[in-house]
């Protein structure tokens, strides 16, 4: 998975998790379907099942990867070029 797709995935997750869906506006004429393959959608669904969102003591909304072994197994079964550790790194950067 290239960095552009991963950034887009995290952006979509953040928008759908933390904001009112009516506030989010399209910034491109391309849709997610234009940018992602079926495998990307399957991976995104799997990844969302392994993300936990929460609010820390300071009121900051954060995400974390849960059950990394199961996520790695699922991504490997999809033959997807990302690991739970890589995703965790992206999430860590997002949370900063």
PDB file of N, CA and C in Angstrom:
ATOM      1  N   UNK A   1       0.863  -1.164   0.000  1.00  0.00           N
ATOM      2  CA  UNK A   1       0.000   0.000   0.000  1.00  0.00           C
ATOM      3  C   UNK A   1       0.906   1.223   0.000  1.00  0.00           C
ATOM      4  N   UNK A   2       0.666   2.118  -0.917  1.00  0.00           N
ATOM      5  CA  UNK A   2       1.527   3.292  -0.936  1.00  0.00           C
ATOM      6  C   UNK A   2       1.077   4.311   0.105  1.00  0.00           C
ATOM      7  N   UNK A   3       1.933   5.257   0.365  1.00  0.00           N
ATOM      8  CA  UNK A   3       1.682   6.256   1.407  1.00  0.00           C
ATOM      9  C   UNK A   3       0.429   7.064   1.096  1.00  0.00           C
ATOM     10  N   UNK A   4       0.201   7.373  -0.176  1.00  0.00           N
ATOM     11  CA  UNK A   4      -0.976   8.157  -0.566  1.00  0.00           C
ATOM     12  C   UNK A   4      -2.263   7.430  -0.178  1.00  0.00           C
ATOM     13  N   UNK A   5      -2.336   6.121  -0.458  1.00  0.00           N
ATOM     14  CA  UNK A   5      -3.529   5.360  -0.102  1.00  0.00           C
ATOM     15  C   UNK A   5      -3.685   5.273   1.410  1.00  0.00           C
ATOM     16  N   UNK A   6      -2.584   5.077   2.121  1.00  0.00           N
ATOM     17  CA  UNK A   6      -2.652   4.979   3.575  1.00  0.00           C
ATOM     18  C   UNK A   6      -3.112   6.293   4.188  1.00  0.00           C
ATOM     19  N   UNK A   7      -2.569   7.397   3.700  1.00  0.00           N
ATOM     20  CA  UNK A   7      -2.992   8.702   4.196  1.00  0.00           C
ATOM     21  C   UNK A   7      -4.479   8.900   3.925  1.00  0.00           C
ATOM     22  N   UNK A   8      -4.917   8.508   2.726  1.00  0.00           N
ATOM     23  CA  UNK A   8      -6.322   8.658   2.366  1.00  0.00           C
ATOM     24  C   UNK A   8      -7.197   7.802   3.275  1.00  0.00           C
ATOM     25  N   UNK A   9      -6.747   6.578   3.573  1.00  0.00           N
ATOM     26  CA  UNK A   9      -7.483   5.701   4.468  1.00  0.00           C
ATOM     27  C   UNK A   9      -7.636   6.327   5.845  1.00  0.00           C
ATOM     28  N   UNK A  10      -6.545   6.838   6.396  1.00  0.00           N
ATOM     29  CA  UNK A  10      -6.599   7.459   7.719  1.00  0.00           C
ATOM     30  C   UNK A  10      -7.475   8.704   7.690  1.00  0.00           C
ATOM     31  N   UNK A  11      -7.397   9.470   6.621  1.00  0.00           N
ATOM     32  CA  UNK A  11      -8.240  10.658   6.490  1.00  0.00           C
ATOM     33  C   UNK A  11      -9.711  10.270   6.475  1.00  0.00           C
ATOM     34  N   UNK A  12     -10.055   9.258   5.695  1.00  0.00           N
ATOM     35  CA  UNK A  12     -11.445   8.793   5.639  1.00  0.00           C
ATOM     36  C   UNK A  12     -11.890   8.288   7.006  1.00  0.00           C
ATOM     37  N   UNK A  13     -11.038   7.513   7.662  1.00  0.00           N
ATOM     38  CA  UNK A  13     -11.385   7.010   8.992  1.00  0.00           C
ATOM     39  C   UNK A  13     -11.596   8.151   9.979  1.00  0.00           C
ATOM     40  N   UNK A  14     -10.736   9.142   9.917  1.00  0.00           N
ATOM     41  CA  UNK A  14     -10.865  10.284  10.829  1.00  0.00           C
ATOM     42  C   UNK A  14     -12.151  11.044  10.567  1.00  0.00           C
ATOM     43  N   UNK A  15     -12.451  11.265   9.307  1.00  0.00           N
ATOM     44  CA  UNK A  15     -13.668  12.012   8.969  1.00  0.00           C
ATOM     45  C   UNK A  15     -14.900  11.249   9.419  1.00  0.00           C
ATOM     46  N   UNK A  16     -14.942   9.941   9.122  1.00  0.00           N
ATOM     47  CA  UNK A  16     -16.130   9.171   9.485  1.00  0.00           C
ATOM     48  C   UNK A  16     -16.233   8.931  10.980  1.00  0.00           C
ATOM     49  N   UNK A  17     -15.116   8.929  11.673  1.00  0.00           N
ATOM     50  CA  UNK A  17     -15.125   8.657  13.108  1.00  0.00           C
ATOM     51  C   UNK A  17     -15.380   9.903  13.938  1.00  0.00           C
ATOM     52  N   UNK A  18     -14.760  11.010  13.556  1.00  0.00           N
ATOM     53  CA  UNK A  18     -14.737  12.170  14.426  1.00  0.00           C
ATOM     54  C   UNK A  18     -15.594  13.349  13.989  1.00  0.00           C
ATOM     55  N   UNK A  19     -16.234  13.284  12.855  1.00  0.00           N
ATOM     56  CA  UNK A  19     -16.995  14.455  12.429  1.00  0.00           C
ATOM     57  C   UNK A  19     -18.388  14.071  11.975  1.00  0.00           C
ATOM     58  N   UNK A  20     -19.225  15.038  11.944  1.00  0.00           N
ATOM     59  CA  UNK A  20     -20.580  14.879  11.446  1.00  0.00           C
ATOM     60  C   UNK A  20     -20.497  14.636   9.943  1.00  0.00           C
ATOM     61  N   UNK A  21     -21.109  13.568   9.424  1.00  0.00           N
ATOM     62  CA  UNK A  21     -20.975  13.269   7.999  1.00  0.00           C
ATOM     63  C   UNK A  21     -21.530  14.357   7.090  1.00  0.00           C
ATOM     64  N   UNK A  22     -22.406  15.191   7.589  1.00  0.00           N
ATOM     65  CA  UNK A  22     -22.957  16.256   6.761  1.00  0.00           C
ATOM     66  C   UNK A  22     -22.009  17.444   6.642  1.00  0.00           C
ATOM     67  N   UNK A  23     -21.018  17.513   7.508  1.00  0.00           N
ATOM     68  CA  UNK A  23     -20.057  18.614   7.463  1.00  0.00           C
ATOM     69  C   UNK A  23     -18.958  18.329   6.442  1.00  0.00           C
ATOM     70  N   UNK A  24     -18.581  17.055   6.313  1.00  0.00           N
ATOM     71  CA  UNK A  24     -17.492  16.693   5.393  1.00  0.00           C
ATOM     72  C   UNK A  24     -17.901  16.992   3.960  1.00  0.00           C
ATOM     73  N   UNK A  25     -17.027  17.656   3.227  1.00  0.00           N
ATOM     74  CA  UNK A  25     -17.306  18.003   1.835  1.00  0.00           C
ATOM     75  C   UNK A  25     -16.251  17.379   0.940  1.00  0.00           C
ATOM     76  N   UNK A  26     -16.653  17.042  -0.270  1.00  0.00           N
ATOM     77  CA  UNK A  26     -15.720  16.451  -1.227  1.00  0.00           C
ATOM     78  C   UNK A  26     -14.697  17.488  -1.656  1.00  0.00           C
ATOM     79  N   UNK A  27     -13.444  17.063  -1.738  1.00  0.00           N
ATOM     80  CA  UNK A  27     -12.392  17.976  -2.171  1.00  0.00           C
ATOM     81  C   UNK A  27     -11.837  17.560  -3.523  1.00  0.00           C
ATOM     82  N   UNK A  28     -12.412  16.539  -4.121  1.00  0.00           N
ATOM     83  CA  UNK A  28     -11.927  16.049  -5.400  1.00  0.00           C
ATOM     84  C   UNK A  28     -13.098  15.540  -6.213  1.00  0.00           C
ATOM     85  N   UNK A  29     -12.922  15.546  -7.523  1.00  0.00           N
ATOM     86  CA  UNK A  29     -13.974  15.010  -8.374  1.00  0.00           C
ATOM     87  C   UNK A  29     -13.903  13.488  -8.442  1.00  0.00           C
ATOM     88  N   UNK A  30     -12.803  12.892  -7.956  1.00  0.00           N
ATOM     89  CA  UNK A  30     -12.675  11.439  -7.944  1.00  0.00           C
ATOM     90  C   UNK A  30     -13.314  10.879  -6.681  1.00  0.00           C
ATOM     91  N   UNK A  31     -13.925   9.727  -6.833  1.00  0.00           N
ATOM     92  CA  UNK A  31     -14.514   9.056  -5.681  1.00  0.00           C
ATOM     93  C   UNK A  31     -13.537   8.018  -5.153  1.00  0.00           C
ATOM     94  N   UNK A  32     -13.844   7.487  -3.990  1.00  0.00           N
ATOM     95  CA  UNK A  32     -13.007   6.434  -3.424  1.00  0.00           C
ATOM     96  C   UNK A  32     -12.967   5.246  -4.383  1.00  0.00           C
ATOM     97  N   UNK A  33     -14.087   4.958  -5.032  1.00  0.00           N
ATOM     98  CA  UNK A  33     -14.138   3.846  -5.985  1.00  0.00           C
ATOM     99  C   UNK A  33     -13.165   4.035  -7.137  1.00  0.00           C
ATOM    100  N   UNK A  34     -12.920   5.288  -7.512  1.00  0.00           N
ATOM    101  CA  UNK A  34     -11.962   5.563  -8.587  1.00  0.00           C
ATOM    102  C   UNK A  34     -10.526   5.315  -8.138  1.00  0.00           C
ATOM    103  N   UNK A  35     -10.263   5.459  -6.862  1.00  0.00           N
ATOM    104  CA  UNK A  35      -8.900   5.387  -6.344  1.00  0.00           C
ATOM    105  C   UNK A  35      -8.531   4.023  -5.769  1.00  0.00           C
ATOM    106  N   UNK A  36      -9.510   3.263  -5.317  1.00  0.00           N
ATOM    107  CA  UNK A  36      -9.243   2.012  -4.617  1.00  0.00           C
ATOM    108  C   UNK A  36      -9.704   0.807  -5.422  1.00  0.00           C
ATOM    109  N   UNK A  37      -8.975  -0.287  -5.269  1.00  0.00           N
ATOM    110  CA  UNK A  37      -9.376  -1.566  -5.853  1.00  0.00           C
ATOM    111  C   UNK A  37     -10.282  -2.295  -4.851  1.00  0.00           C
ATOM    112  N   UNK A  38     -10.854  -3.413  -5.285  1.00  0.00           N
ATOM    113  CA  UNK A  38     -11.669  -4.215  -4.368  1.00  0.00           C
ATOM    114  C   UNK A  38     -10.842  -4.671  -3.166  1.00  0.00           C
ATOM    115  N   UNK A  39      -9.574  -4.993  -3.413  1.00  0.00           N
ATOM    116  CA  UNK A  39      -8.694  -5.428  -2.326  1.00  0.00           C
ATOM    117  C   UNK A  39      -8.485  -4.297  -1.322  1.00  0.00           C
ATOM    118  N   UNK A  40      -8.390  -3.055  -1.810  1.00  0.00           N
ATOM    119  CA  UNK A  40      -8.248  -1.909  -0.908  1.00  0.00           C
ATOM    120  C   UNK A  40      -9.474  -1.776  -0.006  1.00  0.00           C
ATOM    121  N   UNK A  41     -10.669  -1.961  -0.588  1.00  0.00           N
ATOM    122  CA  UNK A  41     -11.894  -1.878   0.212  1.00  0.00           C
ATOM    123  C   UNK A  41     -11.937  -2.984   1.260  1.00  0.00           C
ATOM    124  N   UNK A  42     -11.564  -4.203   0.871  1.00  0.00           N
ATOM    125  CA  UNK A  42     -11.546  -5.314   1.825  1.00  0.00           C
ATOM    126  C   UNK A  42     -10.563  -5.036   2.957  1.00  0.00           C
ATOM    127  N   UNK A  43      -9.402  -4.512   2.610  1.00  0.00           N
ATOM    128  CA  UNK A  43      -8.402  -4.187   3.631  1.00  0.00           C
ATOM    129  C   UNK A  43      -8.909  -3.080   4.547  1.00  0.00           C
ATOM    130  N   UNK A  44      -9.564  -2.078   3.978  1.00  0.00           N
ATOM    131  CA  UNK A  44     -10.097  -0.978   4.788  1.00  0.00           C
ATOM    132  C   UNK A  44     -11.132  -1.491   5.785  1.00  0.00           C
ATOM    133  N   UNK A  45     -12.011  -2.386   5.336  1.00  0.00           N
ATOM    134  CA  UNK A  45     -13.010  -2.958   6.242  1.00  0.00           C
ATOM    135  C   UNK A  45     -12.334  -3.734   7.368  1.00  0.00           C
ATOM    136  N   UNK A  46     -11.328  -4.516   7.011  1.00  0.00           N
ATOM    137  CA  UNK A  46     -10.587  -5.284   8.013  1.00  0.00           C
ATOM    138  C   UNK A  46      -9.890  -4.358   9.002  1.00  0.00           C
ATOM    139  N   UNK A  47      -9.242  -3.331   8.487  1.00  0.00           N
ATOM    140  CA  UNK A  47      -8.520  -2.383   9.345  1.00  0.00           C
ATOM    141  C   UNK A  47      -9.479  -1.678  10.295  1.00  0.00           C
ATOM    142  N   UNK A  48     -10.637  -1.263   9.796  1.00  0.00           N
ATOM    143  CA  UNK A  48     -11.598  -0.565  10.657  1.00  0.00           C
ATOM    144  C   UNK A  48     -12.068  -1.450  11.805  1.00  0.00           C
ATOM    145  N   UNK A  49     -12.128  -2.762  11.571  1.00  0.00           N
ATOM    146  CA  UNK A  49     -12.515  -3.691  12.640  1.00  0.00           C
ATOM    147  C   UNK A  49     -11.438  -3.791  13.717  1.00  0.00           C
ATOM    148  N   UNK A  50     -10.223  -3.385  13.375  1.00  0.00           N
ATOM    149  CA  UNK A  50      -9.104  -3.488  14.311  1.00  0.00           C
ATOM    150  C   UNK A  50      -8.632  -2.124  14.812  1.00  0.00           C
ATOM    151  N   UNK A  51      -9.474  -1.122  14.686  1.00  0.00           N
ATOM    152  CA  UNK A  51      -9.159   0.202  15.220  1.00  0.00           C
ATOM    153  C   UNK A  51     -10.100   0.523  16.362  1.00  0.00           C
ATOM    154  N   UNK A  52      -9.547   1.089  17.387  1.00  0.00           N
ATOM    155  CA  UNK A  52     -10.338   1.536  18.533  1.00  0.00           C
ATOM    156  C   UNK A  52     -10.159   3.048  18.639  1.00  0.00           C
ATOM    157  N   UNK A  53     -11.257   3.757  18.730  1.00  0.00           N
ATOM    158  CA  UNK A  53     -11.180   5.209  18.919  1.00  0.00           C
ATOM    159  C   UNK A  53     -11.596   5.534  20.343  1.00  0.00           C
ATOM    160  N   UNK A  54     -10.950   6.539  20.889  1.00  0.00           N
ATOM    161  CA  UNK A  54     -11.233   6.930  22.268  1.00  0.00           C
ATOM    162  C   UNK A  54     -10.830   8.381  22.474  1.00  0.00           C
ATOM    163  N   UNK A  55     -11.244   8.926  23.595  1.00  0.00           N
ATOM    164  CA  UNK A  55     -10.898  10.292  23.969  1.00  0.00           C
ATOM    165  C   UNK A  55     -10.000  10.208  25.197  1.00  0.00           C
ATOM    166  N   UNK A  56      -8.836  10.864  25.117  1.00  0.00           N
ATOM    167  CA  UNK A  56      -7.919  10.819  26.257  1.00  0.00           C
ATOM    168  C   UNK A  56      -8.372  11.789  27.350  1.00  0.00           C
ATOM    169  N   UNK A  57      -7.617  11.853  28.431  1.00  0.00           N
ATOM    170  CA  UNK A  57      -7.978  12.693  29.577  1.00  0.00           C
ATOM    171  C   UNK A  57      -8.032  14.175  29.233  1.00  0.00           C
ATOM    172  N   UNK A  58      -7.326  14.568  28.172  1.00  0.00           N
ATOM    173  CA  UNK A  58      -7.316  15.972  27.750  1.00  0.00           C
ATOM    174  C   UNK A  58      -8.398  16.284  26.722  1.00  0.00           C
ATOM    175  N   UNK A  59      -9.238  15.309  26.415  1.00  0.00           N
ATOM    176  CA  UNK A  59     -10.308  15.524  25.454  1.00  0.00           C
ATOM    177  C   UNK A  59      -9.890  15.336  24.002  1.00  0.00           C
ATOM    178  N   UNK A  60      -8.675  14.856  23.780  1.00  0.00           N
ATOM    179  CA  UNK A  60      -8.186  14.636  22.413  1.00  0.00           C
ATOM    180  C   UNK A  60      -8.685  13.280  21.906  1.00  0.00           C
ATOM    181  N   UNK A  61      -9.261  13.267  20.703  1.00  0.00           N
ATOM    182  CA  UNK A  61      -9.748  12.031  20.106  1.00  0.00           C
ATOM    183  C   UNK A  61      -8.583  11.299  19.450  1.00  0.00           C
ATOM    184  N   UNK A  62      -8.427  10.026  19.803  1.00  0.00           N
ATOM    185  CA  UNK A  62      -7.297   9.228  19.344  1.00  0.00           C
ATOM    186  C   UNK A  62      -7.766   7.887  18.788  1.00  0.00           C
ATOM    187  N   UNK A  63      -6.865   7.233  18.055  1.00  0.00           N
ATOM    188  CA  UNK A  63      -7.114   5.889  17.547  1.00  0.00           C
ATOM    189  C   UNK A  63      -5.957   4.991  17.951  1.00  0.00           C
ATOM    190  N   UNK A  64      -6.246   3.687  18.054  1.00  0.00           N
ATOM    191  CA  UNK A  64      -5.174   2.722  18.269  1.00  0.00           C
ATOM    192  C   UNK A  64      -5.555   1.412  17.594  1.00  0.00           C
ATOM    193  N   UNK A  65      -4.529   0.656  17.223  1.00  0.00           N
ATOM    194  CA  UNK A  65      -4.716  -0.643  16.588  1.00  0.00           C
ATOM    195  C   UNK A  65      -4.895  -1.679  17.688  1.00  0.00           C
ATOM    196  N   UNK A  66      -5.903  -2.540  17.542  1.00  0.00           N
ATOM    197  CA  UNK A  66      -6.134  -3.613  18.507  1.00  0.00           C
ATOM    198  C   UNK A  66      -6.040  -4.961  17.796  1.00  0.00           C
ATOM    199  N   UNK A  67      -5.646  -5.967  18.523  1.00  0.00           N
ATOM    200  CA  UNK A  67      -5.495  -7.339  18.031  1.00  0.00           C
ATOM    201  C   UNK A  67      -4.641  -7.383  16.764  1.00  0.00           C
ATOM    202  N   UNK A  68      -3.389  -6.958  16.935  1.00  0.00           N
ATOM    203  CA  UNK A  68      -2.463  -6.846  15.800  1.00  0.00           C
ATOM    204  C   UNK A  68      -2.208  -8.186  15.114  1.00  0.00           C
ATOM    205  N   UNK A  69      -2.177  -9.273  15.876  1.00  0.00           N
ATOM    206  CA  UNK A  69      -1.930 -10.584  15.256  1.00  0.00           C
ATOM    207  C   UNK A  69      -3.051 -10.946  14.288  1.00  0.00           C
ATOM    208  N   UNK A  70      -4.290 -10.729  14.702  1.00  0.00           N
ATOM    209  CA  UNK A  70      -5.426 -11.036  13.828  1.00  0.00           C
ATOM    210  C   UNK A  70      -5.432 -10.120  12.606  1.00  0.00           C
ATOM    211  N   UNK A  71      -5.069  -8.863  12.803  1.00  0.00           N
ATOM    212  CA  UNK A  71      -5.004  -7.931  11.675  1.00  0.00           C
ATOM    213  C   UNK A  71      -3.921  -8.361  10.700  1.00  0.00           C
ATOM    214  N   UNK A  72      -2.742  -8.712  11.204  1.00  0.00           N
ATOM    215  CA  UNK A  72      -1.671  -9.193  10.326  1.00  0.00           C
ATOM    216  C   UNK A  72      -2.111 -10.432   9.548  1.00  0.00           C
ATOM    217  N   UNK A  73      -2.782 -11.342  10.229  1.00  0.00           N
ATOM    218  CA  UNK A  73      -3.257 -12.566   9.574  1.00  0.00           C
ATOM    219  C   UNK A  73      -4.247 -12.221   8.466  1.00  0.00           C
ATOM    220  N   UNK A  74      -5.195 -11.345   8.748  1.00  0.00           N
ATOM    221  CA  UNK A  74      -6.190 -10.955   7.752  1.00  0.00           C
ATOM    222  C   UNK A  74      -5.574 -10.247   6.557  1.00  0.00           C
ATOM    223  N   UNK A  75      -4.624  -9.356   6.818  1.00  0.00           N
ATOM    224  CA  UNK A  75      -3.954  -8.648   5.720  1.00  0.00           C
ATOM    225  C   UNK A  75      -3.130  -9.616   4.880  1.00  0.00           C
ATOM    226  N   UNK A  76      -2.498 -10.594   5.528  1.00  0.00           N
ATOM    227  CA  UNK A  76      -1.725 -11.601   4.795  1.00  0.00           C
ATOM    228  C   UNK A  76      -2.644 -12.458   3.927  1.00  0.00           C
ATOM    229  N   UNK A  77      -3.811 -12.820   4.461  1.00  0.00           N
ATOM    230  CA  UNK A  77      -4.773 -13.608   3.682  1.00  0.00           C
ATOM    231  C   UNK A  77      -5.254 -12.841   2.455  1.00  0.00           C
ATOM    232  N   UNK A  78      -5.349 -11.526   2.581  1.00  0.00           N
ATOM    233  CA  UNK A  78      -5.727 -10.686   1.439  1.00  0.00           C
ATOM    234  C   UNK A  78      -4.554 -10.444   0.494  1.00  0.00           C
ATOM    235  N   UNK A  79      -3.368 -10.875   0.920  1.00  0.00           N
ATOM    236  CA  UNK A  79      -2.129 -10.584   0.194  1.00  0.00           C
ATOM    237  C   UNK A  79      -1.979  -9.076   0.011  1.00  0.00           C
ATOM    238  N   UNK A  80      -2.216  -8.370   1.127  1.00  0.00           N
ATOM    239  CA  UNK A  80      -2.175  -6.905   1.123  1.00  0.00           C
ATOM    240  C   UNK A  80      -0.822  -6.434   1.635  1.00  0.00           C
ATOM    241  N   UNK A  81      -0.275  -5.435   0.995  1.00  0.00           N
ATOM    242  CA  UNK A  81       1.098  -4.998   1.287  1.00  0.00           C
ATOM    243  C   UNK A  81       1.164  -3.998   2.437  1.00  0.00           C
ATOM    244  N   UNK A  82       0.652  -4.404   3.584  1.00  0.00           N
ATOM    245  CA  UNK A  82       0.740  -3.586   4.790  1.00  0.00           C
ATOM    246  C   UNK A  82       0.697  -4.519   5.985  1.00  0.00           C
ATOM    247  N   UNK A  83       1.341  -4.103   7.063  1.00  0.00           N
ATOM    248  CA  UNK A  83       1.293  -4.878   8.301  1.00  0.00           C
ATOM    249  C   UNK A  83       0.641  -4.033   9.389  1.00  0.00           C
ATOM    250  N   UNK A  84       0.259  -4.691  10.461  1.00  0.00           N
ATOM    251  CA  UNK A  84      -0.319  -3.976  11.597  1.00  0.00           C
ATOM    252  C   UNK A  84       0.685  -2.986  12.172  1.00  0.00           C
ATOM    253  N   UNK A  85       1.954  -3.350  12.173  1.00  0.00           N
ATOM    254  CA  UNK A  85       2.985  -2.443  12.699  1.00  0.00           C
ATOM    255  C   UNK A  85       3.102  -1.183  11.851  1.00  0.00           C
ATOM    256  N   UNK A  86       3.021  -1.342  10.528  1.00  0.00           N
ATOM    257  CA  UNK A  86       3.057  -0.163   9.651  1.00  0.00           C
ATOM    258  C   UNK A  86       1.853   0.733   9.918  1.00  0.00           C
ATOM    259  N   UNK A  87       0.678   0.118  10.007  1.00  0.00           N
ATOM    260  CA  UNK A  87      -0.531   0.889  10.286  1.00  0.00           C
ATOM    261  C   UNK A  87      -0.411   1.588  11.628  1.00  0.00           C
ATOM    262  N   UNK A  88       0.128   0.894  12.611  1.00  0.00           N
ATOM    263  CA  UNK A  88       0.302   1.483  13.937  1.00  0.00           C
ATOM    264  C   UNK A  88       1.192   2.725  13.869  1.00  0.00           C
ATOM    265  N   UNK A  89       2.216   2.690  13.029  1.00  0.00           N
ATOM    266  CA  UNK A  89       3.077   3.857  12.836  1.00  0.00           C
ATOM    267  C   UNK A  89       2.315   5.031  12.247  1.00  0.00           C
ATOM    268  N   UNK A  90       1.480   4.752  11.237  1.00  0.00           N
ATOM    269  CA  UNK A  90       0.668   5.816  10.643  1.00  0.00           C
ATOM    270  C   UNK A  90      -0.315   6.392  11.660  1.00  0.00           C
ATOM    271  N   UNK A  91      -0.929   5.507  12.450  1.00  0.00           N
ATOM    272  CA  UNK A  91      -1.880   5.951  13.474  1.00  0.00           C
ATOM    273  C   UNK A  91      -1.161   6.785  14.528  1.00  0.00           C
ATOM    274  N   UNK A  92       0.027   6.361  14.913  1.00  0.00           N
ATOM    275  CA  UNK A  92       0.814   7.126  15.893  1.00  0.00           C
ATOM    276  C   UNK A  92       1.067   8.543  15.373  1.00  0.00           C
ATOM    277  N   UNK A  93       1.476   8.657  14.112  1.00  0.00           N
ATOM    278  CA  UNK A  93       1.704   9.983  13.518  1.00  0.00           C
ATOM    279  C   UNK A  93       0.416  10.791  13.461  1.00  0.00           C
ATOM    280  N   UNK A  94      -0.691  10.135  13.150  1.00  0.00           N
ATOM    281  CA  UNK A  94      -1.986  10.815  13.104  1.00  0.00           C
ATOM    282  C   UNK A  94      -2.362  11.344  14.486  1.00  0.00           C
ATOM    283  N   UNK A  95      -2.120  10.536  15.514  1.00  0.00           N
ATOM    284  CA  UNK A  95      -2.481  10.930  16.876  1.00  0.00           C
ATOM    285  C   UNK A  95      -1.643  12.092  17.396  1.00  0.00           C
ATOM    286  N   UNK A  96      -0.448  12.266  16.856  1.00  0.00           N
ATOM    287  CA  UNK A  96       0.420  13.362  17.299  1.00  0.00           C
ATOM    288  C   UNK A  96      -0.194  14.646  16.843  1.00  0.00           C
TER     289      UNK A  96
END
